[in-house]
C-alpha atoms as a PDB file:
ATOM      1  CA  MET A   1     185.697 143.019 181.029  1.00  0.00           C
ATOM      2  CA  LEU A   2     183.516 141.218 177.897  1.00  0.00           C
ATOM      3  CA  THR A   3     184.677 138.233 177.016  1.00  0.00           C
ATOM      4  CA  LEU A   4     184.110 136.618 173.811  1.00  0.00           C
ATOM      5  CA  GLN A   5     183.425 133.112 173.258  1.00  0.00           C
ATOM      6  CA  SER A   6     183.819 131.585 170.073  1.00  0.00           C
ATOM      7  CA  THR A   7     182.008 128.455 169.184  1.00  0.00           C
ATOM      8  CA  ALA A   8     183.241 126.211 166.478  1.00  0.00           C
ATOM      9  CA  LEU A   9     180.586 125.460 163.783  1.00  0.00           C
ATOM     10  CA  ARG A  10     179.821 122.047 163.075  1.00  0.00           C
ATOM     11  CA  PRO A  11     181.623 120.856 159.605  1.00  0.00           C
ATOM     12  CA  HIS A  12     179.330 120.211 156.864  1.00  0.00           C
ATOM     13  CA  ASN A  13     178.585 116.241 155.979  1.00  0.00           C
ATOM     14  CA  THR A  14     180.222 116.249 152.558  1.00  0.00           C
ATOM     15  CA  ARG A  15     179.402 112.672 151.794  1.00  0.00           C
ATOM     16  CA  LEU A  16     175.563 113.080 152.433  1.00  0.00           C
ATOM     17  CA  ASN A  17     175.717 116.167 150.243  1.00  0.00           C
ATOM     18  CA  LYS A  18     177.182 114.512 147.375  1.00  0.00           C
ATOM     19  CA  GLY A  19     174.665 111.440 147.718  1.00  0.00           C
ATOM     20  CA  LEU A  20     171.874 114.010 147.378  1.00  0.00           C
ATOM     21  CA  ARG A  21     173.094 115.680 144.652  1.00  0.00           C
ATOM     22  CA  ALA A  22     173.778 112.349 142.762  1.00  0.00           C
ATOM     23  CA  ALA A  23     170.178 110.954 143.641  1.00  0.00           C
ATOM     24  CA  ALA A  24     168.950 114.322 142.271  1.00  0.00           C
ATOM     25  CA  THR A  25     170.746 113.830 139.011  1.00  0.00           C
ATOM     26  CA  SER A  26     169.652 110.145 138.749  1.00  0.00           C
ATOM     27  CA  GLU A  27     165.847 111.249 138.934  1.00  0.00           C
ATOM     28  CA  ASP A  28     166.275 113.779 136.583  1.00  0.00           C
ATOM     29  CA  LEU A  29     168.064 111.316 134.112  1.00  0.00           C
ATOM     30  CA  LEU A  30     165.402 109.005 134.377  1.00  0.00           C
ATOM     31  CA  ALA A  31     162.692 111.325 133.936  1.00  0.00           C
ATOM     32  CA  GLU A  32     164.205 112.825 130.510  1.00  0.00           C
ATOM     33  CA  ALA A  33     164.989 108.776 129.413  1.00  0.00           C
ATOM     34  CA  ALA A  34     161.264 108.497 129.918  1.00  0.00           C
ATOM     35  CA  ALA A  35     160.341 111.542 127.935  1.00  0.00           C
ATOM     36  CA  LEU A  36     162.737 110.631 125.233  1.00  0.00           C
ATOM     37  CA  ARG A  37     161.180 107.141 125.407  1.00  0.00           C
ATOM     38  CA  ARG A  38     157.574 108.785 124.915  1.00  0.00           C
ATOM     39  CA  GLU A  39     158.669 110.899 122.364  1.00  0.00           C
ATOM     40  CA  ALA A  40     160.264 108.037 120.500  1.00  0.00           C
ATOM     41  CA  ASN A  41     157.326 105.721 120.635  1.00  0.00           C
ATOM     42  CA  ALA A  42     155.238 108.714 119.268  1.00  0.00           C
ATOM     43  CA  MET A  43     157.278 109.206 116.335  1.00  0.00           C
ATOM     44  CA  GLU A  44     157.573 105.337 115.448  1.00  0.00           C
ATOM     45  CA  ALA A  45     153.769 105.388 115.264  1.00  0.00           C
ATOM     46  CA  ASP A  46     153.568 108.316 112.925  1.00  0.00           C
ATOM     47  CA  LEU A  47     155.914 106.654 110.748  1.00  0.00           C
ATOM     48  CA  GLU A  48     154.085 103.212 110.641  1.00  0.00           C
ATOM     49  CA  ALA A  49     151.217 105.012 109.824  1.00  0.00           C
ATOM     50  CA  GLU A  50     152.745 106.448 106.916  1.00  0.00           C
ATOM     51  CA  ILE A  51     154.258 103.332 105.612  1.00  0.00           C
ATOM     52  CA  ALA A  52     151.104 101.439 106.176  1.00  0.00           C
ATOM     53  CA  PRO A  53     148.970 101.042 102.845  1.00  0.00           C
ATOM     54  CA  THR A  54     145.941 102.912 102.537  1.00  0.00           C
ATOM     55  CA  PRO A  55     143.057 100.817 102.866  1.00  0.00           C
ATOM     56  CA  PRO A  56     140.921  99.752  99.896  1.00  0.00           C
ATOM     57  CA  PRO A  57     137.659 102.012  99.503  1.00  0.00           C
ATOM     58  CA  PRO A  58     134.623 100.349 100.258  1.00  0.00           C
ATOM     59  CA  ALA A  59     133.026  98.338  97.582  1.00  0.00           C
ATOM     60  CA  PRO A  60     129.958 100.229  95.644  1.00  0.00           C
ATOM     61  CA  SER A  61     126.869  98.874  96.419  1.00  0.00           C
ATOM     62  CA  LYS A  62     125.169  97.017  93.670  1.00  0.00           C
ATOM     63  CA  PRO A  63     122.098  99.008  92.303  1.00  0.00           C
ATOM     64  CA  LYS A  64     118.820  97.306  93.453  1.00  0.00           C
ATOM     65  CA  PRO A  65     115.770  96.034  91.262  1.00  0.00           C
ATOM     66  CA  VAL A  66     113.008  98.560  91.206  1.00  0.00           C
ATOM     67  CA  ALA A  67     109.601  97.400  90.901  1.00  0.00           C
ATOM     68  CA  GLY A  68     110.695  94.150  89.590  1.00  0.00           C
ATOM     69  CA  VAL A  69     113.040  95.807  86.850  1.00  0.00           C
ATOM     70  CA  SER A  70     116.812  95.000  87.038  1.00  0.00           C
ATOM     71  CA  PRO A  71     119.481  97.762  86.459  1.00  0.00           C
ATOM     72  CA  SER A  72     120.618  96.264  83.075  1.00  0.00           C
ATOM     73  CA  GLU A  73     116.728  96.497  81.727  1.00  0.00           C
ATOM     74  CA  ALA A  74     116.051  99.776  83.057  1.00  0.00           C
ATOM     75  CA  LEU A  75     116.687 103.256  80.815  1.00  0.00           C
ATOM     76  CA  GLU A  76     118.713 106.091  82.623  1.00  0.00           C
ATOM     77  CA  TRP A  77     116.627 108.764  83.577  1.00  0.00           C
ATOM     78  CA  THR A  78     118.184 112.017  82.418  1.00  0.00           C
ATOM     79  CA  GLY A  79     116.194 114.354  84.774  1.00  0.00           C
ATOM     80  CA  SER A  80     113.497 114.877  81.785  1.00  0.00           C
ATOM     81  CA  ALA A  81     113.207 111.576  80.143  1.00  0.00           C
ATOM     82  CA  PHE A  82     114.149 108.065  80.233  1.00  0.00           C
ATOM     83  CA  ALA A  83     116.790 107.297  77.462  1.00  0.00           C
ATOM     84  CA  GLY A  84     119.210 104.835  76.235  1.00  0.00           C
ATOM     85  CA  ALA A  85     120.018 102.731  73.046  1.00  0.00           C
ATOM     86  CA  ILE A  86     117.868  99.833  72.132  1.00  0.00           C
ATOM     87  CA  GLU A  87     119.584  96.941  70.343  1.00  0.00           C
ATOM     88  CA  LEU A  88     117.592  94.724  67.840  1.00  0.00           C
ATOM     89  CA  VAL A  89     119.164  91.603  66.394  1.00  0.00           C
ATOM     90  CA  GLN A  90     118.879  91.561  62.752  1.00  0.00           C
ATOM     91  CA  GLU A  91     118.314  88.476  60.144  1.00  0.00           C
ATOM     92  CA  ASP A  92     121.931  88.397  59.142  1.00  0.00           C
ATOM     93  CA  GLY A  93     123.214  88.405  62.944  1.00  0.00           C
ATOM     94  CA  THR A  94     123.890  91.959  63.063  1.00  0.00           C
ATOM     95  CA  THR A  95     122.944  94.281  65.787  1.00  0.00           C
ATOM     96  CA  ARG A  96     120.878  97.464  65.008  1.00  0.00           C
ATOM     97  CA  ARG A  97     121.633 100.174  67.950  1.00  0.00           C
ATOM     98  CA  THR A  98     118.560 102.791  67.751  1.00  0.00           C
ATOM     99  CA  PRO A  99     118.961 105.723  70.468  1.00  0.00           C
ATOM    100  CA  ALA A 100     115.495 106.542  71.781  1.00  0.00           C
ATOM    101  CA  GLU A 101     113.765 108.205  74.733  1.00  0.00           C
ATOM    102  CA  TRP A 102     110.225 108.567  76.585  1.00  0.00           C
ATOM    103  CA  SER A 103     108.982 111.318  78.576  1.00  0.00           C
ATOM    104  CA  PRO A 104     107.349 109.645  81.524  1.00  0.00           C
ATOM    105  CA  TRP A 105     103.614 109.015  81.622  1.00  0.00           C
ATOM    106  CA  TYR A 106     103.459 109.133  85.536  1.00  0.00           C
ATOM    107  CA  GLY A 107     105.590 112.258  86.369  1.00  0.00           C
ATOM    108  CA  ALA A 108     109.294 112.212  87.260  1.00  0.00           C
ATOM    109  CA  GLY A 109     110.234 109.609  89.858  1.00  0.00           C
ATOM    110  CA  LYS A 110     107.016 107.870  89.518  1.00  0.00           C
ATOM    111  CA  SER A 111     107.819 105.246  87.161  1.00  0.00           C
ATOM    112  CA  VAL A 112     110.730 102.980  85.544  1.00  0.00           C
ATOM    113  CA  VAL A 113     110.895 102.233  81.731  1.00  0.00           C
ATOM    114  CA  PHE A 114     112.687  99.243  80.760  1.00  0.00           C
ATOM    115  CA  GLN A 115     113.430  96.932  77.764  1.00  0.00           C
ATOM    116  CA  ARG A 116     112.669  92.972  78.003  1.00  0.00           C
ATOM    117  CA  GLU A 117     112.706  90.418  75.466  1.00  0.00           C
ATOM    118  CA  LEU A 118     109.828  87.512  75.094  1.00  0.00           C
ATOM    119  CA  ILE A 119     109.229  84.510  73.155  1.00  0.00           C
ATOM    120  CA  LEU A 120     105.882  84.615  71.257  1.00  0.00           C
ATOM    121  CA  PRO A 121     103.033  83.874  71.706  1.00  0.00           C
ATOM    122  CA  LEU A 122     102.830  86.933  74.377  1.00  0.00           C
ATOM    123  CA  GLY A 123     100.078  85.887  76.582  1.00  0.00           C
ATOM    124  CA  ILE A 124      99.164  88.845  77.463  1.00  0.00           C
ATOM    125  CA  ILE A 125      96.244  91.082  76.435  1.00  0.00           C
ATOM    126  CA  LEU A 126      96.589  95.160  75.651  1.00  0.00           C
ATOM    127  CA  GLU A 127      93.975  97.460  75.787  1.00  0.00           C
ATOM    128  CA  GLU A 128      93.520 101.385  74.958  1.00  0.00           C
ATOM    129  CA  ALA A 129      94.298 103.182  78.221  1.00  0.00           C
ATOM    130  CA  GLY A 130      93.422 106.866  77.144  1.00  0.00           C
ATOM    131  CA  GLY A 131      95.440 109.556  76.367  1.00  0.00           C
ATOM    132  CA  GLY A 132      97.153 107.881  73.473  1.00  0.00           C
ATOM    133  CA  ALA A 133      98.840 105.289  75.875  1.00  0.00           C
ATOM    134  CA  ILE A 134      98.276 101.295  75.188  1.00  0.00           C
ATOM    135  CA  ARG A 135      98.784  98.970  78.473  1.00  0.00           C
ATOM    136  CA  VAL A 136      98.611  95.487  79.558  1.00  0.00           C
ATOM    137  CA  ALA A 137      95.179  94.583  80.470  1.00  0.00           C
ATOM    138  CA  GLU A 138      95.997  91.046  81.303  1.00  0.00           C
ATOM    139  CA  VAL A 139      98.659  88.664  81.752  1.00  0.00           C
ATOM    140  CA  ARG A 140      97.438  84.889  81.050  1.00  0.00           C
ATOM    141  CA  GLU A 141      98.727  82.003  83.333  1.00  0.00           C
ATOM    142  CA  GLY A 142     101.692  80.021  82.271  1.00  0.00           C
ATOM    143  CA  GLY A 143     102.518  82.367  79.228  1.00  0.00           C
ATOM    144  CA  SER A 144     105.664  84.064  78.195  1.00  0.00           C
ATOM    145  CA  GLY A 145     104.308  87.446  79.642  1.00  0.00           C
ATOM    146  CA  GLU A 146     103.771  85.684  83.092  1.00  0.00           C
ATOM    147  CA  GLN A 147     107.057  84.110  82.819  1.00  0.00           C
ATOM    148  CA  CYS A 148     108.860  87.324  81.944  1.00  0.00           C
ATOM    149  CA  ASP A 149     107.204  88.959  84.876  1.00  0.00           C
ATOM    150  CA  ILE A 150     104.918  91.549  82.630  1.00  0.00           C
ATOM    151  CA  ARG A 151     102.480  92.761  84.952  1.00  0.00           C
ATOM    152  CA  PRO A 152      98.949  94.357  84.330  1.00  0.00           C
ATOM    153  CA  GLY A 153      99.178  98.206  84.167  1.00  0.00           C
ATOM    154  CA  ASP A 154     102.619  98.330  82.136  1.00  0.00           C
ATOM    155  CA  VAL A 155     102.400 101.032  79.461  1.00  0.00           C
ATOM    156  CA  LEU A 156     103.767  99.915  75.958  1.00  0.00           C
ATOM    157  CA  ARG A 157     105.845 102.275  74.923  1.00  0.00           C
ATOM    158  CA  ALA A 158     107.537 100.750  71.431  1.00  0.00           C
ATOM    159  CA  CYS A 159     108.209  97.508  70.401  1.00  0.00           C
ATOM    160  CA  SER A 160     110.431  95.661  67.840  1.00  0.00           C
ATOM    161  CA  ALA A 161     108.506  95.242  64.476  1.00  0.00           C
ATOM    162  CA  ILE A 162     109.799  93.650  61.450  1.00  0.00           C
ATOM    163  CA  SER A 163     109.901  95.564  58.133  1.00  0.00           C
ATOM    164  CA  SER A 164     110.353  94.443  54.612  1.00  0.00           C
ATOM    165  CA  THR A 165     112.627  96.065  51.653  1.00  0.00           C
ATOM    166  CA  ILE A 166     112.944  94.645  48.104  1.00  0.00           C
ATOM    167  CA  VAL A 167     116.614  94.654  46.723  1.00  0.00           C
ATOM    168  CA  TYR A 168     116.888  94.218  42.900  1.00  0.00           C
ATOM    169  CA  GLY A 169     119.768  92.480  41.654  1.00  0.00           C
ATOM    170  CA  ASN A 170     119.350  94.123  38.121  1.00  0.00           C
ATOM    171  CA  ALA A 171     118.844  97.945  37.613  1.00  0.00           C
ATOM    172  CA  MET A 172     117.887  97.263  33.945  1.00  0.00           C
ATOM    173  CA  PHE A 173     115.437  94.652  34.639  1.00  0.00           C
ATOM    174  CA  PRO A 174     114.012  95.044  38.474  1.00  0.00           C
ATOM    175  CA  LEU A 175     112.019  92.152  38.525  1.00  0.00           C
ATOM    176  CA  ASP A 176     115.110  89.943  37.511  1.00  0.00           C
ATOM    177  CA  GLY A 177     116.459  88.447  40.635  1.00  0.00           C
ATOM    178  CA  ALA A 178     114.645  90.454  42.999  1.00  0.00           C
ATOM    179  CA  ASN A 179     114.633  89.521  46.724  1.00  0.00           C
ATOM    180  CA  THR A 180     112.960  90.373  49.929  1.00  0.00           C
ATOM    181  CA  LYS A 181     115.303  92.006  52.951  1.00  0.00           C
ATOM    182  CA  TRP A 182     113.794  92.044  56.270  1.00  0.00           C
ATOM    183  CA  ARG A 183     114.631  94.480  58.996  1.00  0.00           C
ATOM    184  CA  ARG A 184     113.864  94.683  62.595  1.00  0.00           C
ATOM    185  CA  THR A 185     113.181  98.292  63.779  1.00  0.00           C
ATOM    186  CA  LEU A 186     112.080  99.962  66.843  1.00  0.00           C
ATOM    187  CA  ALA A 187     108.489 100.893  66.195  1.00  0.00           C
ATOM    188  CA  PRO A 188     106.786 103.687  68.769  1.00  0.00           C
ATOM    189  CA  CYS A 189     103.600 102.938  70.183  1.00  0.00           C
ATOM    190  CA  ASP A 190     102.507 106.354  71.837  1.00  0.00           C
ATOM    191  CA  MET A 191     100.001 108.129  70.314  1.00  0.00           C
ATOM    192  CA  ARG A 192      99.141 105.297  67.752  1.00  0.00           C
ATOM    193  CA  PRO A 193      96.172 103.551  66.406  1.00  0.00           C
ATOM    194  CA  PHE A 194      95.471 100.587  68.496  1.00  0.00           C
ATOM    195  CA  GLU A 195      95.237  98.491  65.018  1.00  0.00           C
ATOM    196  CA  GLN A 196      98.386  99.942  63.966  1.00  0.00           C
ATOM    197  CA  VAL A 197     100.230  98.838  67.423  1.00  0.00           C
ATOM    198  CA  MET A 198      99.043  95.132  67.026  1.00  0.00           C
ATOM    199  CA  GLU A 199     100.139  95.003  63.638  1.00  0.00           C
ATOM    200  CA  GLN A 200     103.682  95.932  64.821  1.00  0.00           C
ATOM    201  CA  VAL A 201     103.295  93.374  67.485  1.00  0.00           C
ATOM    202  CA  THR A 202     102.177  90.436  65.213  1.00  0.00           C
ATOM    203  CA  SER A 203     104.892  91.342  62.495  1.00  0.00           C
ATOM    204  CA  ASN A 204     107.397  89.666  64.745  1.00  0.00           C
ATOM    205  CA  GLU A 205     108.528  86.052  64.477  1.00  0.00           C
ATOM    206  CA  GLY A 206     109.942  84.094  67.556  1.00  0.00           C
ATOM    207  CA  THR A 207     110.731  86.702  69.708  1.00  0.00           C
ATOM    208  CA  ILE A 208     109.570  90.497  70.379  1.00  0.00           C
ATOM    209  CA  LEU A 209     111.281  93.242  72.101  1.00  0.00           C
ATOM    210  CA  LEU A 210     108.689  95.345  74.415  1.00  0.00           C
ATOM    211  CA  VAL A 211     109.987  98.894  75.687  1.00  0.00           C
ATOM    212  CA  LEU A 212     107.236  99.178  78.850  1.00  0.00           C
ATOM    213  CA  GLU A 213     106.917 101.552  81.559  1.00  0.00           C
ATOM    214  CA  ARG A 214     105.826 100.582  85.095  1.00  0.00           C
ATOM    215  CA  GLU A 215     104.381 102.607  87.753  1.00  0.00           C
ATOM    216  CA  ILE A 216     106.578 102.380  91.136  1.00  0.00           C
ATOM    217  CA  LYS A 217     104.277 101.666  94.123  1.00  0.00           C
END
């Protein structure tokens, strides 16, 4: 006869199982909390970046002098010529603006054209340079030219000149009340006879405005 012997199974430890489930649940909650904290930190950083004021753009660098010529003196290069409005103070204190432009003697990018006012006498010697140019041959020590940094080789492109106009006070009797009005004008020096340029230069009194071209070396 076959006899079956039953063996009672060991009951489960209910408290242990509950503890394990509780530990697993706690770890999951901690991990989820850490993930939420990281997400919150990232959102806070993004919000601060949006609220933070935009930093101001860097200040533009100041133009530097070229060949001893300050930006305020230099005429603008348009790509084919130097251009600008030359201002000349008149006898009555008003200012006369004369638009002008000059093609370069030395080629594009090789020179700068500028205006500079000097006190007379100039203390410089001018000469004919060929090709219709008048240039500075010598700058005398201690003179106005040296003090204003005029250099040998500078090409004289134009200068101020004083011209006179006779104004009559009575149309019927022109000689009655006639007076002379002086006007300061911009006189070109390119392709002009040397004697004419010297007359233009010496017509000035007190001060003279020169428009010069200087080679960039």
